[in-house]
C-alpha cells in the first residue's frame, strides 16, 4: 500500500472514530471493527495461543474503543496507535489474569489422588498417608496453609482471616508449598 492510500485510510479511520465519539455512530463503529478486528485477532492468536482468549481480546479492545472513543486525541497520535495501545494493554491484563489463575489452581496436578474411586479405599488410604507425610515435611507456615486449603477445605479468604495474615501471603505460601510438594512427589514417584 502506497503512502497516499495509507494516509487516506488513516484520515478515514480517524473520521470514523470521531464520529463514534461525537455521535455514537454505529455504522462508523462497524467500519472501525471491520478494519481492526482481524488485526487484533491475528495478534491475539500469536500472543495468547488460545482461540477463546483471542476472541475475548478482540471484544474487549473494541468495546473499549466504543466506550472510550471520546478520549482519542488526533493531535497526540494516529488512530491505529491508539487502538493498538488499547489492544496491547488489554492483552497484558489478560495474560496477568491467566497467570494469576494458574497460581490459584496450581495444586490441581497433585491433589487428584484424593479423588480415587471408592473401590480402592485401601489403596486410597495408603496414598493419602504418603501424601500427608510429604505435606508434613513442608515448612510450618506453608504446611499450615496447604492443610487449611486442601484438608480443612477453607477458602483462601477464610484462611487469611483465620490466620490474621494478608490474602497475598496465603496465596504465596500456598504456591510455594505446592511447588515444594510437587518437587518432592516428582523425586519420589517419577
Protein backbone atom coordinates (compact mmCIF):
# COMPACT_ATOMS: atom_id res chain seq x y z
CA UNK A 1 0.00 0.00 0.00
CA UNK A 2 1.49 3.33 -1.02
CA UNK A 3 1.75 6.32 1.30
CA UNK A 4 -1.19 8.26 -0.20
CA UNK A 5 -3.57 5.32 0.26
CA UNK A 6 -2.28 4.76 3.78
CA UNK A 7 -2.75 8.44 4.65
CA UNK A 8 -6.26 8.41 3.19
CA UNK A 9 -7.10 5.31 5.18
CA UNK A 10 -5.83 6.90 8.41
CA UNK A 11 -7.92 10.01 7.73
CA UNK A 12 -10.96 7.80 7.14
CA UNK A 13 -10.37 5.76 10.32
CA UNK A 14 -9.88 8.95 12.33
CA UNK A 15 -13.14 10.35 10.95
CA UNK A 16 -14.94 7.13 11.91
CA UNK A 17 -13.57 7.26 15.45
CA UNK A 18 -14.52 10.93 15.84
CA UNK A 19 -18.00 10.04 14.58
CA UNK A 20 -18.25 7.28 17.19
CA UNK A 21 -17.07 9.67 19.90
CA UNK A 22 -19.37 12.55 18.98
CA UNK A 23 -22.45 10.83 17.56
CA UNK A 24 -22.26 7.20 18.75
CA UNK A 25 -22.39 6.33 15.05
CA UNK A 26 -22.85 2.55 14.76
CA UNK A 27 -22.00 2.49 11.05
CA UNK A 28 -18.69 4.24 11.72
CA UNK A 29 -18.02 1.79 14.53
CA UNK A 30 -18.76 -1.11 12.18
CA UNK A 31 -16.13 0.26 9.80
CA UNK A 32 -13.60 0.50 12.63
CA UNK A 33 -14.48 -3.00 13.75
CA UNK A 34 -14.09 -4.49 10.28
CA UNK A 35 -10.67 -2.84 9.94
CA UNK A 36 -9.24 -3.59 13.39
CA UNK A 37 -10.85 -6.89 14.42
CA UNK A 38 -8.86 -9.14 12.03
CA UNK A 39 -5.60 -7.42 13.01
CA UNK A 40 -6.35 -7.76 16.73
CA UNK A 41 -7.38 -11.40 16.27
CA UNK A 42 -4.14 -12.16 14.43
CA UNK A 43 -2.10 -10.52 17.21
CA UNK A 44 -4.11 -12.31 19.91
CA UNK A 45 -3.67 -15.72 18.28
CA UNK A 46 0.09 -15.21 18.32
CA UNK A 47 0.32 -13.88 21.89
CA UNK A 48 -2.41 -15.81 23.71
CA UNK A 49 -2.33 -19.15 21.87
CA UNK A 50 -5.99 -19.73 22.73
CA UNK A 51 -8.84 -19.02 20.32
CA UNK A 52 -11.29 -18.17 23.11
CA UNK A 53 -8.91 -15.69 24.71
CA UNK A 54 -8.11 -14.26 21.28
CA UNK A 55 -11.79 -13.58 20.61
CA UNK A 56 -12.12 -12.07 24.10
CA UNK A 57 -9.25 -9.71 23.33
CA UNK A 58 -10.98 -8.55 20.14
CA UNK A 59 -14.22 -7.99 22.04
CA UNK A 60 -12.61 -6.21 24.99
CA UNK A 61 -10.48 -3.99 22.77
CA UNK A 62 -13.31 -2.98 20.50
CA UNK A 63 -15.69 -2.45 23.42
CA UNK A 64 -13.13 -0.10 24.94
CA UNK A 65 -12.83 1.70 21.59
CA UNK A 66 -16.62 2.22 21.64
CA UNK A 67 -16.79 3.39 25.26
CA UNK A 68 -13.61 5.49 25.31
CA UNK A 69 -13.73 6.96 21.81
CA UNK A 70 -14.19 10.44 23.32
CA UNK A 71 -10.69 10.16 24.84
CA UNK A 72 -8.97 9.87 21.46
CA UNK A 73 -6.89 12.93 20.54
CA UNK A 74 -5.70 13.02 16.94
CA UNK A 75 -3.07 15.61 17.87
CA UNK A 76 -1.32 13.09 20.13
CA UNK A 77 -1.16 10.18 17.70
CA UNK A 78 -2.74 8.12 14.96
CA UNK A 79 -5.97 6.21 15.49
CA UNK A 80 -4.13 2.95 14.77
CA UNK A 81 -1.63 3.68 17.53
CA UNK A 82 -4.44 4.47 19.94
CA UNK A 83 -6.39 1.28 19.19
CA UNK A 84 -3.30 -0.95 19.21
CA UNK A 85 -2.24 0.54 22.55
CA UNK A 86 -5.64 -0.39 23.98
CA UNK A 87 -5.21 -3.87 22.47
CA UNK A 88 -1.75 -4.29 23.96
CA UNK A 89 -2.87 -3.16 27.43
CA UNK A 90 -5.90 -5.48 27.37
CA UNK A 91 -3.62 -8.32 26.27
CA UNK A 92 -1.30 -7.68 29.23
CA UNK A 93 -4.32 -7.65 31.55
CA UNK A 94 -5.47 -10.99 30.16
CA UNK A 95 -2.02 -12.54 30.48
CA UNK A 96 -1.78 -11.36 34.09
CA UNK A 97 -5.22 -12.79 34.79
CA UNK A 98 -4.27 -16.14 33.23
CA UNK A 99 -1.05 -16.24 35.27
CA UNK A 100 -2.96 -15.36 38.45
CA UNK A 101 -5.50 -18.13 37.76
CA UNK A 102 -2.69 -20.62 37.15
CA UNK A 103 -1.28 -19.86 40.58
CA UNK A 104 -4.68 -20.31 42.20
CA UNK A 105 -5.16 -23.72 40.58
CA UNK A 106 -1.59 -24.90 40.70
CA UNK A 107 -2.42 -27.75 43.07
CA UNK A 108 -4.77 -29.46 40.61
CA UNK A 109 -1.87 -31.53 39.30
CA UNK A 110 -1.11 -33.23 42.62
CA UNK A 111 -4.39 -33.41 44.51
CA UNK A 112 -6.47 -35.74 42.32
CA UNK A 113 -5.03 -38.63 44.38
CA UNK A 114 -7.79 -37.78 46.88
CA UNK A 115 -10.38 -38.42 44.19
CA UNK A 116 -9.72 -42.13 43.51
CA UNK A 117 -12.76 -44.41 43.17
CA UNK A 118 -14.20 -45.82 46.40
CA UNK A 119 -13.40 -49.38 45.31
CA UNK A 120 -9.76 -48.56 46.01
CA UNK A 121 -10.35 -47.34 49.59
CA UNK A 122 -7.41 -49.28 51.00
CA UNK A 123 -5.10 -48.01 48.24
CA UNK A 124 -6.53 -44.51 48.70
CA UNK A 125 -5.75 -44.63 52.42
CA UNK A 126 -2.13 -45.57 51.67
CA UNK A 127 -1.80 -42.77 49.09
CA UNK A 128 -3.35 -40.29 51.50
CA UNK A 129 -0.97 -41.32 54.27
CA UNK A 130 2.03 -40.97 51.93
CA UNK A 131 0.85 -37.59 50.72
CA UNK A 132 0.23 -36.37 54.26
CA UNK A 133 3.74 -37.49 55.24
CA UNK A 134 5.12 -35.28 52.45
CA UNK A 135 2.82 -32.40 53.41
CA UNK A 136 4.15 -32.67 56.98
CA UNK A 137 7.68 -32.26 55.58
CA UNK A 138 6.85 -28.76 54.33
CA UNK A 139 7.99 -25.69 56.29
CA UNK A 140 5.46 -24.95 59.06
CA UNK A 141 3.83 -21.84 57.52
CA UNK A 142 3.43 -23.49 54.12
CA UNK A 143 2.17 -26.73 55.71
CA UNK A 144 -0.41 -24.74 57.67
CA UNK A 145 -1.77 -23.10 54.51
CA UNK A 146 -1.73 -26.30 52.40
CA UNK A 147 -3.59 -28.23 55.11
CA UNK A 148 -6.05 -25.37 55.62
CA UNK A 149 -6.91 -25.15 51.93
CA UNK A 150 -6.92 -28.82 50.97
CA UNK A 151 -7.72 -30.72 54.16
CA UNK A 152 -9.90 -28.28 56.07
CA UNK A 153 -11.38 -27.06 52.76
CA UNK A 154 -11.16 -23.41 53.73
CA UNK A 155 -11.14 -20.75 51.04
CA UNK A 156 -8.05 -18.59 50.73
CA UNK A 157 -10.01 -15.65 52.15
CA UNK A 158 -11.27 -17.72 55.11
CA UNK A 159 -7.75 -18.94 55.84
CA UNK A 160 -6.42 -15.39 55.59
CA UNK A 161 -8.93 -14.26 58.21
CA UNK A 162 -8.32 -17.29 60.44
CA UNK A 163 -4.54 -16.80 60.41
CA UNK A 164 -4.75 -13.00 60.52
CA UNK A 165 -2.40 -12.63 57.53
CA UNK A 166 -2.97 -10.84 54.21
CA UNK A 167 -4.61 -12.81 51.39
CA UNK A 168 -1.47 -12.38 49.27
CA UNK A 169 0.58 -14.06 51.99
CA UNK A 170 -1.77 -17.05 51.98
CA UNK A 171 -1.51 -17.29 48.20
CA UNK A 172 2.29 -17.05 48.27
CA UNK A 173 2.63 -19.68 50.98
CA UNK A 174 0.24 -21.97 49.12
CA UNK A 175 2.11 -21.55 45.85
CA UNK A 176 5.49 -22.15 47.48
CA UNK A 177 4.17 -25.14 49.42
CA UNK A 178 2.69 -26.72 46.30
CA UNK A 179 5.90 -26.16 44.34
CA UNK A 180 7.89 -27.92 47.08
CA UNK A 181 5.31 -30.69 47.35
CA UNK A 182 5.34 -31.21 43.61
CA UNK A 183 9.15 -31.47 43.56
CA UNK A 184 9.04 -33.97 46.44
CA UNK A 185 6.44 -36.07 44.64
CA UNK A 186 8.36 -35.93 41.37
CA UNK A 187 11.54 -37.01 43.15
CA UNK A 188 9.90 -39.93 44.95
CA UNK A 189 7.27 -41.11 42.47
CA UNK A 190 8.53 -40.39 38.94
